[in-house]
């Protein structure tokens, strides 16, 4: 499903006695009028730093948008980019730029935000829902776009993040989507040791799973997903061993998951430091998250955690 998009970056020729001009920021052409909309975000990652940038703004639309596919373009090496809505929060955020660490220090912000799109690893690509399936977005809703980037170089990097949303006519919509993230928030990785933790969750409503994805940080060596029927775990069908590129798996034939059945997801880490590492939001902390997108649209549908390897339950 991934298609390469043309990059328009170019370096201007410079006289021999001057330093080369910095590359221009690539440009992603927006959808044609009436075919969708574009959102974007820009920033800077100073040399040798980790930045987690958040931007709050209103969606640039005046009518309901039935989004069937998206195209994205961002810096190579971006840890993740997400687009969420805070429209359901009891107190909407003030538009503007934020340090995500400070923003999410208020835990209610993370709990209130509903993710609409997320991408990890790939610098560019296209994701398309099945024919007639759409994410329906109300006009002008408030959104929160975030970019997490670790700059390991000795030069500042100009950050860019584009998302094109392509729509279909409302009369062509036959089903909507919903989803979420199930997170292990009780990670405990002893020093100089390999650790595996797993969680099992079951759906509280019948769904058809369209996408699954993983998310970890640098110590992770493997992430797996297997079916769980409420009693036993089946064979692993999703595996990722590269935390830099935690692929989004789209299923040509959606997975039918009746209520009471779901998945077991597991993470293996190698902590080669002399300190214990726990769950956290920075790249020096660790995560073990399974993202799930399904049809039909239902805000009450979720994969509810029923058992974990360390005996702690968490529902996401």
Protein backbone atom coordinates (compact mmCIF):
# COMPACT_ATOMS: atom_id res chain seq x y z
CA UNK A 1 0.00 0.00 0.00
CA UNK A 2 3.00 2.29 0.28
CA UNK A 3 3.71 4.49 -2.74
CA UNK A 4 6.68 6.83 -2.95
CA UNK A 5 5.84 10.49 -3.29
CA UNK A 6 8.05 12.92 -5.22
CA UNK A 7 10.39 14.98 -3.09
CA UNK A 8 11.07 18.50 -4.21
CA UNK A 9 14.11 19.12 -1.98
CA UNK A 10 17.05 20.79 -3.71
CA UNK A 11 20.38 22.28 -2.76
CA UNK A 12 21.30 25.57 -4.40
CA UNK A 13 24.72 25.77 -6.03
CA UNK A 14 27.08 27.83 -3.90
CA UNK A 15 30.24 29.67 -4.80
CA UNK A 16 33.41 27.75 -4.04
CA UNK A 17 34.36 30.08 -1.19
CA UNK A 18 31.09 29.68 0.73
CA UNK A 19 29.43 26.82 2.61
CA UNK A 20 26.79 24.87 0.68
CA UNK A 21 23.24 26.15 1.10
CA UNK A 22 21.05 24.13 3.45
CA UNK A 23 18.57 21.81 1.70
CA UNK A 24 15.14 23.27 1.21
CA UNK A 25 12.26 21.67 3.07
CA UNK A 26 10.43 19.25 0.77
CA UNK A 27 6.91 20.15 -0.32
CA UNK A 28 3.90 17.87 -0.57
CA UNK A 29 1.29 19.25 -2.98
CA UNK A 30 -2.12 19.48 -1.25
CA UNK A 31 -5.22 17.69 -2.57
CA UNK A 32 -7.14 19.36 -5.37
CA UNK A 33 -10.09 21.55 -4.38
CA UNK A 34 -12.94 19.37 -3.21
CA UNK A 35 -10.77 16.26 -2.98
CA UNK A 36 -9.58 16.66 0.62
CA UNK A 37 -7.38 18.85 2.78
CA UNK A 38 -3.81 19.20 4.05
CA UNK A 39 -2.37 19.82 7.51
CA UNK A 40 1.29 20.46 8.26
CA UNK A 41 3.71 21.24 11.06
CA UNK A 42 7.26 22.58 11.19
CA UNK A 43 9.97 22.95 13.83
CA UNK A 44 13.66 22.52 14.64
CA UNK A 45 15.60 19.73 16.32
CA UNK A 46 18.84 21.27 17.64
CA UNK A 47 22.01 19.22 17.24
CA UNK A 48 22.28 16.32 19.66
CA UNK A 49 18.82 16.73 21.18
CA UNK A 50 15.51 14.91 21.45
CA UNK A 51 12.43 17.02 20.72
CA UNK A 52 8.75 16.22 21.11
CA UNK A 53 6.76 19.01 19.50
CA UNK A 54 3.00 19.55 19.64
CA UNK A 55 0.86 21.93 17.60
CA UNK A 56 -2.81 22.64 18.35
CA UNK A 57 -5.04 24.11 15.64
CA UNK A 58 -8.49 23.81 14.06
CA UNK A 59 -8.95 21.52 11.08
CA UNK A 60 -9.02 23.71 7.93
CA UNK A 61 -12.46 22.50 6.82
CA UNK A 62 -16.01 23.86 6.72
CA UNK A 63 -17.89 20.62 6.01
CA UNK A 64 -17.89 17.02 7.23
CA UNK A 65 -14.93 15.17 5.71
CA UNK A 66 -15.16 11.46 4.82
CA UNK A 67 -11.47 10.51 4.64
CA UNK A 68 -10.72 7.29 2.72
CA UNK A 69 -6.94 7.64 2.26
CA UNK A 70 -3.99 9.68 3.48
CA UNK A 71 -0.55 10.57 2.15
CA UNK A 72 2.23 11.72 4.46
CA UNK A 73 5.69 13.22 4.14
CA UNK A 74 8.09 13.84 7.02
CA UNK A 75 11.77 13.78 7.98
CA UNK A 76 13.62 10.53 7.55
CA UNK A 77 14.19 9.11 11.02
CA UNK A 78 11.08 10.61 12.62
CA UNK A 79 10.30 8.48 15.69
CA UNK A 80 6.58 9.11 15.30
CA UNK A 81 3.97 11.58 14.10
CA UNK A 82 0.38 11.54 15.31
CA UNK A 83 -2.76 13.52 14.62
CA UNK A 84 -5.41 13.51 17.37
CA UNK A 85 -8.51 15.49 18.16
CA UNK A 86 -9.11 17.19 21.48
CA UNK A 87 -12.70 18.05 20.52
CA UNK A 88 -14.07 15.68 23.17
CA UNK A 89 -12.00 17.18 26.01
CA UNK A 90 -13.87 18.95 28.79
CA UNK A 91 -11.53 21.93 28.35
CA UNK A 92 -10.18 22.42 24.78
CA UNK A 93 -6.56 23.52 24.50
CA UNK A 94 -5.53 26.98 23.40
CA UNK A 95 -4.24 26.91 19.80
CA UNK A 96 -0.47 27.22 19.49
CA UNK A 97 2.86 25.42 19.83
CA UNK A 98 3.75 23.28 22.86
CA UNK A 99 6.50 21.11 24.24
CA UNK A 100 4.64 17.77 24.36
CA UNK A 101 6.44 16.78 27.57
CA UNK A 102 4.93 19.79 29.32
CA UNK A 103 1.56 19.37 27.63
CA UNK A 104 1.24 15.71 28.63
CA UNK A 105 2.38 16.45 32.18
CA UNK A 106 -1.35 17.10 32.55
CA UNK A 107 -2.39 13.46 32.25
CA UNK A 108 -5.96 14.34 31.23
CA UNK A 109 -4.68 15.69 27.89
CA UNK A 110 -3.39 12.28 26.83
CA UNK A 111 -6.53 10.53 28.04
CA UNK A 112 -8.90 13.03 26.35
CA UNK A 113 -7.15 13.10 22.96
CA UNK A 114 -8.58 10.70 20.36
CA UNK A 115 -6.01 9.64 17.75
CA UNK A 116 -7.04 10.04 14.11
CA UNK A 117 -3.77 9.04 12.42
CA UNK A 118 -0.34 7.83 13.44
CA UNK A 119 2.85 7.03 11.57
CA UNK A 120 6.23 5.69 12.62
CA UNK A 121 9.45 5.05 10.78
CA UNK A 122 8.58 5.69 7.14
CA UNK A 123 9.33 9.15 5.77
CA UNK A 124 6.57 9.02 3.16
CA UNK A 125 3.73 6.86 1.99
CA UNK A 126 0.03 6.36 1.41
CA UNK A 127 -2.52 4.42 3.46
CA UNK A 128 -5.90 3.60 1.95
CA UNK A 129 -9.03 2.21 3.59
CA UNK A 130 -11.26 -0.31 1.78
CA UNK A 131 -13.78 1.04 -0.72
CA UNK A 132 -16.62 2.83 1.03
CA UNK A 133 -14.88 2.90 4.43
CA UNK A 134 -14.04 6.33 5.81
CA UNK A 135 -12.99 8.23 8.90
CA UNK A 136 -15.63 10.95 9.17
CA UNK A 137 -14.27 14.18 10.64
CA UNK A 138 -16.56 17.05 11.69
CA UNK A 139 -15.81 20.45 10.19
CA UNK A 140 -13.22 22.59 11.94
CA UNK A 141 -12.60 20.30 14.91
CA UNK A 142 -9.59 21.03 17.05
CA UNK A 143 -6.60 18.78 16.35
CA UNK A 144 -3.30 18.09 18.04
CA UNK A 145 -0.39 17.21 15.76
CA UNK A 146 2.80 15.94 17.32
CA UNK A 147 6.28 15.06 16.07
CA UNK A 148 8.87 13.14 18.10
CA UNK A 149 12.41 13.31 16.71
CA UNK A 150 15.84 12.36 18.05
CA UNK A 151 18.66 14.29 16.40
CA UNK A 152 21.89 12.33 16.81
CA UNK A 153 23.87 14.57 14.44
CA UNK A 154 26.05 17.59 15.16
CA UNK A 155 23.85 19.94 13.09
CA UNK A 156 20.40 21.41 13.61
CA UNK A 157 17.65 19.72 11.58
CA UNK A 158 14.62 21.53 10.17
CA UNK A 159 11.57 19.38 10.89
CA UNK A 160 8.55 19.08 8.62
CA UNK A 161 5.42 16.96 8.74
CA UNK A 162 2.69 16.97 6.07
CA UNK A 163 -0.52 14.99 5.92
CA UNK A 164 -2.91 14.98 2.96
CA UNK A 165 -6.37 13.60 3.64
CA UNK A 166 -8.30 12.46 0.55
CA UNK A 167 -12.07 12.24 0.82
CA UNK A 168 -14.96 10.41 -0.81
CA UNK A 169 -18.56 11.67 -1.18
CA UNK A 170 -20.66 11.13 1.92
CA UNK A 171 -23.21 9.14 -0.09
CA UNK A 172 -20.47 6.59 -0.92
CA UNK A 173 -19.66 5.85 2.73
CA UNK A 174 -20.81 2.40 3.84
CA UNK A 175 -18.85 2.06 7.09
CA UNK A 176 -16.73 4.09 9.47
CA UNK A 177 -13.61 3.25 11.49
CA UNK A 178 -12.52 3.49 15.10
CA UNK A 179 -9.50 2.29 17.04
CA UNK A 180 -7.08 2.90 19.83
CA UNK A 181 -3.86 1.91 21.52
CA UNK A 182 -3.41 -0.74 24.19
CA UNK A 183 -0.37 0.02 26.32
CA UNK A 184 1.67 -1.86 28.90
CA UNK A 185 2.40 0.90 31.40
CA UNK A 186 4.02 -1.29 34.06
CA UNK A 187 7.29 -2.08 32.29
CA UNK A 188 10.22 -3.01 34.53
CA UNK A 189 13.50 -3.86 32.82
CA UNK A 190 16.32 -4.92 35.17
CA UNK A 191 19.87 -3.89 34.22
CA UNK A 192 22.04 -6.12 32.03
CA UNK A 193 19.19 -8.49 31.26
CA UNK A 194 16.72 -9.56 28.58
CA UNK A 195 13.06 -9.23 29.55
CA UNK A 196 9.80 -10.23 27.87
CA UNK A 197 6.38 -8.96 28.94
CA UNK A 198 3.00 -9.74 27.39
CA UNK A 199 -0.57 -8.51 27.64
CA UNK A 200 -3.85 -10.10 26.50
CA UNK A 201 -6.88 -8.09 25.50
CA UNK A 202 -10.33 -9.01 24.18
CA UNK A 203 -12.81 -6.92 22.21
CA UNK A 204 -15.98 -5.82 24.00
CA UNK A 205 -17.85 -5.66 20.67
CA UNK A 206 -17.71 -7.55 17.36
CA UNK A 207 -15.25 -5.85 14.98
CA UNK A 208 -13.29 -6.33 11.79
CA UNK A 209 -9.65 -5.34 12.30
CA UNK A 210 -8.23 -3.34 9.38
CA UNK A 211 -4.79 -2.35 10.77
CA UNK A 212 -2.44 -3.39 13.56
CA UNK A 213 0.83 -1.72 14.53
CA UNK A 214 3.48 -1.79 17.24
CA UNK A 215 5.37 0.88 19.14
CA UNK A 216 8.45 0.50 21.33
CA UNK A 217 11.67 2.33 22.07
CA UNK A 218 15.35 1.59 21.52
CA UNK A 219 15.85 -1.36 23.87
CA UNK A 220 13.15 -3.45 22.18
CA UNK A 221 14.43 -6.37 20.12
CA UNK A 222 11.06 -7.90 19.17
CA UNK A 223 7.33 -7.15 19.19
CA UNK A 224 4.81 -9.90 18.42
CA UNK A 225 1.03 -10.24 18.11
CA UNK A 226 -0.91 -13.51 18.25
CA UNK A 227 -4.65 -14.27 18.35
CA UNK A 228 -6.23 -14.86 21.76
CA UNK A 229 -9.65 -16.55 21.96
CA UNK A 230 -10.22 -15.66 25.59
CA UNK A 231 -8.62 -18.89 26.83
CA UNK A 232 -5.67 -19.86 24.62
CA UNK A 233 -3.11 -18.00 22.51
CA UNK A 234 -2.60 -18.96 18.86
CA UNK A 235 0.34 -18.64 16.50
CA UNK A 236 2.17 -15.34 16.08
CA UNK A 237 1.10 -13.58 12.87
CA UNK A 238 2.75 -10.16 13.39
CA UNK A 239 6.41 -9.76 14.22
CA UNK A 240 8.68 -6.72 14.23
CA UNK A 241 12.35 -6.64 15.24
CA UNK A 242 13.20 -3.08 14.23
CA UNK A 243 12.01 -0.44 16.69
CA UNK A 244 12.98 2.26 14.15
CA UNK A 245 10.43 0.90 11.69
CA UNK A 246 7.41 -0.49 13.56
CA UNK A 247 5.35 -1.18 10.46
CA UNK A 248 1.64 -0.59 10.17
CA UNK A 249 0.13 -3.88 8.98
CA UNK A 250 -2.96 -3.53 6.80
CA UNK A 251 -5.02 -6.67 6.21
CA UNK A 252 -6.41 -7.13 2.70
CA UNK A 253 -9.00 -9.41 4.27
CA UNK A 254 -9.96 -7.81 7.62
CA UNK A 255 -9.68 -10.01 10.72
CA UNK A 256 -13.09 -10.89 12.18
CA UNK A 257 -12.83 -10.58 15.96
CA UNK A 258 -16.01 -11.36 17.89
CA UNK A 259 -16.59 -9.93 21.34
CA UNK A 260 -14.66 -11.94 23.93
CA UNK A 261 -11.74 -12.64 21.60
CA UNK A 262 -8.70 -10.53 20.80
CA UNK A 263 -4.92 -10.59 20.86
CA UNK A 264 -1.82 -11.27 22.89
CA UNK A 265 0.96 -8.75 22.24
CA UNK A 266 4.44 -9.19 23.66
CA UNK A 267 7.66 -7.18 23.82
CA UNK A 268 11.20 -8.37 24.36
CA UNK A 269 13.89 -5.89 25.42
CA UNK A 270 17.62 -6.02 26.09
CA UNK A 271 18.63 -3.57 28.79
CA UNK A 272 22.41 -3.35 28.46
CA UNK A 273 22.70 -0.46 30.92
CA UNK A 274 23.43 -0.56 34.64
CA UNK A 275 20.09 1.00 35.61
CA UNK A 276 16.50 -0.26 35.64
CA UNK A 277 14.34 1.11 32.83
CA UNK A 278 10.59 1.66 33.13
CA UNK A 279 7.64 2.84 31.08
CA UNK A 280 7.92 6.44 29.92
CA UNK A 281 7.43 8.91 27.08
CA UNK A 282 11.06 9.64 26.18
CA UNK A 283 13.25 7.50 23.92
CA UNK A 284 15.39 6.64 26.98
CA UNK A 285 12.30 5.11 28.62
CA UNK A 286 10.45 2.11 27.18
CA UNK A 287 7.03 1.32 25.74
CA UNK A 288 5.05 -1.69 24.53
CA UNK A 289 1.97 -0.46 22.65
CA UNK A 290 -0.35 -2.23 20.23
CA UNK A 291 -2.36 0.06 17.95
CA UNK A 292 -5.59 -1.25 16.43
CA UNK A 293 -7.97 0.17 13.80
CA UNK A 294 -11.27 -1.53 13.06
CA UNK A 295 -14.73 -1.28 11.54
CA UNK A 296 -17.54 -0.55 12.17
CA UNK A 297 -17.35 2.85 13.84
CA UNK A 298 -18.15 2.61 17.55
CA UNK A 299 -16.73 4.88 20.23
CA UNK A 300 -17.47 2.25 22.87
CA UNK A 301 -15.56 -0.56 21.15
CA UNK A 302 -12.15 -1.38 22.66
CA UNK A 303 -9.72 -4.21 23.25
CA UNK A 304 -9.89 -4.57 27.02
CA UNK A 305 -6.91 -6.03 28.89
CA UNK A 306 -7.80 -9.21 30.79
CA UNK A 307 -4.38 -10.59 31.72
CA UNK A 308 -0.72 -9.56 31.75
CA UNK A 309 2.59 -11.29 32.44
CA UNK A 310 3.18 -9.19 35.55
CA UNK A 311 -0.40 -9.45 36.82
CA UNK A 312 -1.24 -5.76 36.34
CA UNK A 313 -4.31 -4.88 34.26
CA UNK A 314 -4.53 -1.77 32.13
CA UNK A 315 -7.29 -0.87 29.67
CA UNK A 316 -6.52 1.48 26.75
